[in-house]
Amino acid sequence: MIISLDLTSEVPIYQQLRDRIVEGIADGTLPDGESLPSTRQLAADFGINFHTVNKAYDLLRQQGFVRVNRKTGAVVGPTESDEAFVADWTTRARTLLAEAVAKGVSAAEVLATCQAVLAGFDKPRG
């Protein structure tokens, strides 16, 4: 998987890493059982502090997207939805949709964008 980061973005680098990895899981380029690069290797590849990568991996672990083991490192784990996740996701989706509406994006545009994004994730997973 190729990860691209915008080092000039206002979005923190650890959040960008987390987001790109979740997108890779969703679109099937990072199947269950796939090993992620070590924190030091990924940090060296991007020229960033390894603690930044560690923060992203820890967030992914807390959210149930990866398993972290001292021997095997970070590995994409079987991801399952639960009630807490669905409640949190619904809250975040509501806020994101409210932002779109507040900026004048029509309901038709919102739905078309959602469908296009989901279509990009409509691939068989691991």
N, C-alpha and C. Protein backbone atom coordinates (compact mmCIF):
# COMPACT_ATOMS: atom_id res chain seq x y z
N MET A 1 0.84 -1.18 0.00
CA MET A 1 0.00 0.00 0.00
C MET A 1 0.88 1.23 0.00
N ILE A 2 0.51 2.19 -0.82
CA ILE A 2 1.22 3.46 -0.87
C ILE A 2 0.46 4.45 0.00
N ILE A 3 1.15 5.01 0.97
CA ILE A 3 0.54 5.99 1.86
C ILE A 3 1.07 7.35 1.48
N SER A 4 0.16 8.29 1.29
CA SER A 4 0.60 9.65 1.01
C SER A 4 0.14 10.56 2.14
N LEU A 5 1.08 11.40 2.57
CA LEU A 5 0.80 12.34 3.64
C LEU A 5 1.07 13.75 3.14
N ASP A 6 0.34 14.70 3.69
CA ASP A 6 0.57 16.10 3.40
C ASP A 6 1.20 16.71 4.65
N LEU A 7 2.50 16.87 4.61
CA LEU A 7 3.22 17.36 5.79
C LEU A 7 2.93 18.83 6.09
N THR A 8 2.25 19.52 5.16
CA THR A 8 1.90 20.92 5.39
C THR A 8 0.44 21.08 5.81
N SER A 9 -0.29 19.98 5.88
CA SER A 9 -1.71 20.01 6.24
C SER A 9 -1.90 20.40 7.70
N GLU A 10 -3.07 20.96 7.99
CA GLU A 10 -3.43 21.25 9.37
C GLU A 10 -3.84 19.98 10.11
N VAL A 11 -4.14 18.91 9.37
CA VAL A 11 -4.49 17.63 9.98
C VAL A 11 -3.20 17.00 10.50
N PRO A 12 -3.16 16.63 11.78
CA PRO A 12 -1.94 16.04 12.34
C PRO A 12 -1.48 14.82 11.54
N ILE A 13 -0.18 14.64 11.46
CA ILE A 13 0.39 13.55 10.68
C ILE A 13 -0.09 12.20 11.19
N TYR A 14 -0.16 12.02 12.51
CA TYR A 14 -0.61 10.73 13.04
C TYR A 14 -2.04 10.44 12.60
N GLN A 15 -2.88 11.49 12.51
CA GLN A 15 -4.27 11.31 12.08
C GLN A 15 -4.32 10.95 10.59
N GLN A 16 -3.47 11.59 9.78
CA GLN A 16 -3.41 11.26 8.36
C GLN A 16 -2.99 9.80 8.18
N LEU A 17 -1.97 9.36 8.93
CA LEU A 17 -1.54 7.97 8.85
C LEU A 17 -2.68 7.02 9.22
N ARG A 18 -3.33 7.31 10.32
CA ARG A 18 -4.45 6.49 10.77
C ARG A 18 -5.53 6.42 9.69
N ASP A 19 -5.87 7.58 9.13
CA ASP A 19 -6.93 7.64 8.13
C ASP A 19 -6.56 6.86 6.87
N ARG A 20 -5.30 6.99 6.38
CA ARG A 20 -4.90 6.27 5.17
C ARG A 20 -4.90 4.76 5.41
N ILE A 21 -4.51 4.33 6.60
CA ILE A 21 -4.50 2.90 6.89
C ILE A 21 -5.93 2.36 6.97
N VAL A 22 -6.83 3.10 7.59
CA VAL A 22 -8.24 2.68 7.65
C VAL A 22 -8.81 2.61 6.22
N GLU A 23 -8.47 3.58 5.37
CA GLU A 23 -8.93 3.54 3.98
C GLU A 23 -8.38 2.32 3.26
N GLY A 24 -7.12 1.97 3.54
CA GLY A 24 -6.53 0.77 2.94
C GLY A 24 -7.23 -0.50 3.38
N ILE A 25 -7.63 -0.53 4.65
CA ILE A 25 -8.39 -1.69 5.15
C ILE A 25 -9.74 -1.74 4.45
N ALA A 26 -10.39 -0.60 4.34
CA ALA A 26 -11.73 -0.55 3.73
C ALA A 26 -11.71 -0.91 2.25
N ASP A 27 -10.66 -0.48 1.53
CA ASP A 27 -10.67 -0.77 0.09
C ASP A 27 -9.99 -2.09 -0.26
N GLY A 28 -9.53 -2.82 0.75
CA GLY A 28 -8.99 -4.15 0.52
C GLY A 28 -7.50 -4.20 0.23
N THR A 29 -6.81 -3.06 0.16
CA THR A 29 -5.38 -3.11 -0.10
C THR A 29 -4.60 -3.54 1.14
N LEU A 30 -5.23 -3.46 2.30
CA LEU A 30 -4.64 -3.95 3.55
C LEU A 30 -5.58 -5.01 4.14
N PRO A 31 -5.45 -6.25 3.69
CA PRO A 31 -6.35 -7.31 4.17
C PRO A 31 -6.00 -7.75 5.59
N ASP A 32 -6.92 -8.45 6.22
CA ASP A 32 -6.69 -9.02 7.54
C ASP A 32 -5.40 -9.85 7.51
N GLY A 33 -4.58 -9.67 8.53
CA GLY A 33 -3.33 -10.42 8.63
C GLY A 33 -2.14 -9.73 8.00
N GLU A 34 -2.38 -8.65 7.28
CA GLU A 34 -1.29 -7.91 6.63
C GLU A 34 -0.46 -7.19 7.68
N SER A 35 0.85 -7.34 7.60
CA SER A 35 1.75 -6.64 8.52
C SER A 35 1.99 -5.22 8.04
N LEU A 36 1.98 -4.30 8.98
CA LEU A 36 2.31 -2.91 8.67
C LEU A 36 3.80 -2.71 8.91
N PRO A 37 4.40 -1.72 8.25
CA PRO A 37 5.82 -1.45 8.50
C PRO A 37 6.05 -1.11 9.98
N SER A 38 7.26 -1.35 10.45
CA SER A 38 7.58 -0.98 11.82
C SER A 38 7.47 0.54 11.96
N THR A 39 7.27 0.97 13.20
CA THR A 39 7.16 2.42 13.43
C THR A 39 8.42 3.13 12.98
N ARG A 40 9.57 2.55 13.27
CA ARG A 40 10.84 3.19 12.88
C ARG A 40 11.00 3.23 11.37
N GLN A 41 10.62 2.15 10.68
CA GLN A 41 10.75 2.12 9.23
C GLN A 41 9.83 3.14 8.57
N LEU A 42 8.57 3.17 9.00
CA LEU A 42 7.62 4.12 8.41
C LEU A 42 8.03 5.55 8.71
N ALA A 43 8.52 5.79 9.92
CA ALA A 43 9.00 7.13 10.28
C ALA A 43 10.17 7.53 9.39
N ALA A 44 11.11 6.61 9.17
CA ALA A 44 12.26 6.89 8.32
C ALA A 44 11.82 7.16 6.88
N ASP A 45 10.84 6.38 6.40
CA ASP A 45 10.35 6.57 5.03
C ASP A 45 9.79 7.97 4.81
N PHE A 46 9.11 8.51 5.83
CA PHE A 46 8.50 9.84 5.72
C PHE A 46 9.36 10.95 6.30
N GLY A 47 10.43 10.59 7.00
CA GLY A 47 11.26 11.61 7.64
C GLY A 47 10.54 12.28 8.80
N ILE A 48 9.79 11.47 9.55
CA ILE A 48 9.05 12.00 10.70
C ILE A 48 9.48 11.24 11.96
N ASN A 49 9.09 11.74 13.10
CA ASN A 49 9.44 11.12 14.36
C ASN A 49 8.69 9.80 14.52
N PHE A 50 9.38 8.76 15.00
CA PHE A 50 8.73 7.46 15.14
C PHE A 50 7.61 7.50 16.18
N HIS A 51 7.65 8.44 17.11
CA HIS A 51 6.57 8.55 18.09
C HIS A 51 5.25 8.95 17.40
N THR A 52 5.36 9.68 16.29
CA THR A 52 4.18 10.06 15.53
C THR A 52 3.52 8.82 14.94
N VAL A 53 4.33 7.94 14.37
CA VAL A 53 3.81 6.69 13.81
C VAL A 53 3.27 5.82 14.94
N ASN A 54 3.96 5.78 16.05
CA ASN A 54 3.52 5.00 17.19
C ASN A 54 2.15 5.48 17.68
N LYS A 55 1.94 6.79 17.67
CA LYS A 55 0.65 7.34 18.09
C LYS A 55 -0.46 6.88 17.14
N ALA A 56 -0.18 6.89 15.83
CA ALA A 56 -1.17 6.44 14.85
C ALA A 56 -1.48 4.96 15.05
N TYR A 57 -0.44 4.14 15.23
CA TYR A 57 -0.64 2.71 15.43
C TYR A 57 -1.41 2.44 16.72
N ASP A 58 -1.09 3.19 17.76
CA ASP A 58 -1.80 3.00 19.03
C ASP A 58 -3.28 3.35 18.88
N LEU A 59 -3.56 4.41 18.15
CA LEU A 59 -4.95 4.80 17.90
C LEU A 59 -5.67 3.70 17.12
N LEU A 60 -5.01 3.17 16.10
CA LEU A 60 -5.59 2.08 15.31
C LEU A 60 -5.84 0.85 16.18
N ARG A 61 -4.93 0.57 17.11
CA ARG A 61 -5.09 -0.56 18.03
C ARG A 61 -6.29 -0.33 18.95
N GLN A 62 -6.36 0.87 19.52
CA GLN A 62 -7.47 1.19 20.43
C GLN A 62 -8.82 1.08 19.72
N GLN A 63 -8.84 1.43 18.45
CA GLN A 63 -10.08 1.42 17.68
C GLN A 63 -10.38 0.06 17.06
N GLY A 64 -9.48 -0.91 17.28
CA GLY A 64 -9.73 -2.27 16.83
C GLY A 64 -9.42 -2.55 15.37
N PHE A 65 -8.60 -1.70 14.74
CA PHE A 65 -8.25 -1.94 13.34
C PHE A 65 -7.00 -2.80 13.18
N VAL A 66 -6.10 -2.73 14.16
CA VAL A 66 -4.88 -3.52 14.11
C VAL A 66 -4.62 -4.17 15.46
N ARG A 67 -3.81 -5.23 15.42
CA ARG A 67 -3.29 -5.86 16.63
C ARG A 67 -1.82 -5.50 16.69
N VAL A 68 -1.33 -5.19 17.87
CA VAL A 68 0.08 -4.85 18.01
C VAL A 68 0.72 -5.85 18.96
N ASN A 69 1.80 -6.45 18.49
CA ASN A 69 2.51 -7.46 19.25
C ASN A 69 4.00 -7.12 19.17
N ARG A 70 4.71 -7.29 20.27
CA ARG A 70 6.15 -6.96 20.27
C ARG A 70 6.93 -7.77 19.24
N LYS A 71 6.53 -9.01 19.01
CA LYS A 71 7.26 -9.86 18.07
C LYS A 71 6.86 -9.59 16.62
N THR A 72 5.56 -9.48 16.36
CA THR A 72 5.08 -9.37 14.98
C THR A 72 4.84 -7.93 14.55
N GLY A 73 4.83 -7.00 15.47
CA GLY A 73 4.55 -5.61 15.14
C GLY A 73 3.06 -5.39 14.93
N ALA A 74 2.74 -4.39 14.14
CA ALA A 74 1.33 -4.06 13.88
C ALA A 74 0.82 -4.88 12.70
N VAL A 75 -0.30 -5.56 12.94
CA VAL A 75 -0.91 -6.42 11.93
C VAL A 75 -2.38 -6.05 11.82
N VAL A 76 -2.87 -5.93 10.59
CA VAL A 76 -4.29 -5.65 10.39
C VAL A 76 -5.07 -6.79 11.00
N GLY A 77 -5.99 -6.45 11.90
CA GLY A 77 -6.75 -7.48 12.60
C GLY A 77 -8.14 -7.60 12.06
N PRO A 78 -8.80 -8.66 12.41
CA PRO A 78 -10.19 -8.75 11.99
C PRO A 78 -10.97 -7.62 12.66
N THR A 79 -11.62 -6.82 11.85
CA THR A 79 -12.35 -5.67 12.37
C THR A 79 -13.83 -5.97 12.38
N GLU A 80 -14.44 -5.68 13.51
CA GLU A 80 -15.86 -5.92 13.65
C GLU A 80 -16.52 -4.68 14.23
N SER A 81 -17.72 -4.42 13.79
CA SER A 81 -18.50 -3.31 14.30
C SER A 81 -19.13 -3.70 15.62
N ASP A 82 -19.27 -2.72 16.51
CA ASP A 82 -19.99 -2.96 17.75
C ASP A 82 -20.88 -1.75 18.02
N GLU A 83 -21.72 -1.87 19.03
CA GLU A 83 -22.68 -0.80 19.32
C GLU A 83 -22.00 0.53 19.62
N ALA A 84 -20.92 0.49 20.38
CA ALA A 84 -20.22 1.72 20.72
C ALA A 84 -19.64 2.38 19.48
N PHE A 85 -19.07 1.56 18.58
CA PHE A 85 -18.53 2.11 17.34
C PHE A 85 -19.64 2.75 16.52
N VAL A 86 -20.75 2.04 16.36
CA VAL A 86 -21.85 2.56 15.54
C VAL A 86 -22.38 3.87 16.12
N ALA A 87 -22.51 3.96 17.42
CA ALA A 87 -22.99 5.19 18.05
C ALA A 87 -22.01 6.34 17.81
N ASP A 88 -20.72 6.07 17.98
CA ASP A 88 -19.70 7.11 17.75
C ASP A 88 -19.67 7.51 16.28
N TRP A 89 -19.71 6.50 15.40
CA TRP A 89 -19.66 6.77 13.97
C TRP A 89 -20.86 7.62 13.54
N THR A 90 -22.03 7.30 14.06
CA THR A 90 -23.24 8.05 13.72
C THR A 90 -23.10 9.50 14.16
N THR A 91 -22.55 9.73 15.33
CA THR A 91 -22.34 11.10 15.82
C THR A 91 -21.37 11.86 14.92
N ARG A 92 -20.26 11.21 14.56
CA ARG A 92 -19.29 11.87 13.68
C ARG A 92 -19.87 12.13 12.30
N ALA A 93 -20.66 11.17 11.78
CA ALA A 93 -21.29 11.35 10.46
C ALA A 93 -22.27 12.52 10.50
N ARG A 94 -23.03 12.61 11.59
CA ARG A 94 -23.99 13.71 11.73
C ARG A 94 -23.28 15.06 11.68
N THR A 95 -22.16 15.17 12.37
CA THR A 95 -21.40 16.42 12.38
C THR A 95 -20.85 16.73 10.99
N LEU A 96 -20.30 15.73 10.33
CA LEU A 96 -19.75 15.93 8.99
C LEU A 96 -20.84 16.35 8.01
N LEU A 97 -21.99 15.70 8.10
CA LEU A 97 -23.11 16.08 7.22
C LEU A 97 -23.63 17.47 7.56
N ALA A 98 -23.63 17.83 8.83
CA ALA A 98 -24.06 19.17 9.23
C ALA A 98 -23.12 20.22 8.64
N GLU A 99 -21.82 19.93 8.62
CA GLU A 99 -20.86 20.85 8.02
C GLU A 99 -21.18 21.06 6.54
N ALA A 100 -21.48 19.97 5.83
CA ALA A 100 -21.80 20.08 4.41
C ALA A 100 -23.05 20.93 4.19
N VAL A 101 -24.08 20.67 4.97
CA VAL A 101 -25.33 21.42 4.84
C VAL A 101 -25.09 22.89 5.18
N ALA A 102 -24.34 23.15 6.24
CA ALA A 102 -24.06 24.53 6.65
C ALA A 102 -23.27 25.28 5.59
N LYS A 103 -22.48 24.56 4.79
CA LYS A 103 -21.70 25.18 3.71
C LYS A 103 -22.46 25.21 2.39
N GLY A 104 -23.73 24.78 2.41
CA GLY A 104 -24.57 24.89 1.22
C GLY A 104 -24.50 23.73 0.26
N VAL A 105 -23.93 22.60 0.67
CA VAL A 105 -23.90 21.42 -0.19
C VAL A 105 -25.29 20.80 -0.18
N SER A 106 -25.82 20.56 -1.36
CA SER A 106 -27.18 20.02 -1.45
C SER A 106 -27.23 18.56 -1.01
N ALA A 107 -28.43 18.12 -0.62
CA ALA A 107 -28.62 16.73 -0.22
C ALA A 107 -28.25 15.79 -1.37
N ALA A 108 -28.58 16.18 -2.59
CA ALA A 108 -28.25 15.34 -3.75
C ALA A 108 -26.73 15.21 -3.90
N GLU A 109 -26.00 16.31 -3.68
CA GLU A 109 -24.54 16.25 -3.77
C GLU A 109 -23.95 15.39 -2.65
N VAL A 110 -24.51 15.52 -1.46
CA VAL A 110 -24.04 14.72 -0.33
C VAL A 110 -24.24 13.25 -0.63
N LEU A 111 -25.43 12.88 -1.08
CA LEU A 111 -25.71 11.47 -1.39
C LEU A 111 -24.83 10.95 -2.51
N ALA A 112 -24.64 11.77 -3.55
CA ALA A 112 -23.79 11.35 -4.68
C ALA A 112 -22.35 11.14 -4.22
N THR A 113 -21.87 12.02 -3.37
CA THR A 113 -20.51 11.88 -2.84
C THR A 113 -20.40 10.64 -1.98
N CYS A 114 -21.36 10.41 -1.11
CA CYS A 114 -21.35 9.21 -0.26
C CYS A 114 -21.36 7.95 -1.11
N GLN A 115 -22.20 7.91 -2.14
CA GLN A 115 -22.27 6.73 -2.99
C GLN A 115 -20.96 6.51 -3.74
N ALA A 116 -20.33 7.59 -4.22
CA ALA A 116 -19.07 7.47 -4.93
C ALA A 116 -17.96 6.97 -4.01
N VAL A 117 -17.91 7.49 -2.80
CA VAL A 117 -16.90 7.06 -1.84
C VAL A 117 -17.11 5.59 -1.48
N LEU A 118 -18.35 5.22 -1.18
CA LEU A 118 -18.64 3.83 -0.83
C LEU A 118 -18.33 2.88 -1.98
N ALA A 119 -18.57 3.31 -3.21
CA ALA A 119 -18.28 2.47 -4.37
C ALA A 119 -16.78 2.16 -4.44
N GLY A 120 -15.94 3.09 -3.97
CA GLY A 120 -14.51 2.86 -3.94
C GLY A 120 -14.09 1.80 -2.94
N PHE A 121 -14.94 1.54 -1.96
CA PHE A 121 -14.66 0.53 -0.95
C PHE A 121 -15.40 -0.77 -1.23
N ASP A 122 -16.09 -0.84 -2.35
CA ASP A 122 -16.91 -2.00 -2.68
C ASP A 122 -16.08 -3.08 -3.37
N LYS A 123 -15.05 -3.53 -2.64
CA LYS A 123 -14.18 -4.59 -3.15
C LYS A 123 -14.16 -5.70 -2.11
N PRO A 124 -13.91 -6.92 -2.53
CA PRO A 124 -13.82 -7.99 -1.54
C PRO A 124 -12.68 -7.72 -0.57
N ARG A 125 -12.94 -7.95 0.70
CA ARG A 125 -11.92 -7.73 1.73
C ARG A 125 -11.29 -9.04 2.12
N GLY A 126 -9.92 -8.92 2.38
CA GLY A 126 -9.06 -9.99 2.87
C GLY A 126 -9.69 -11.27 3.05
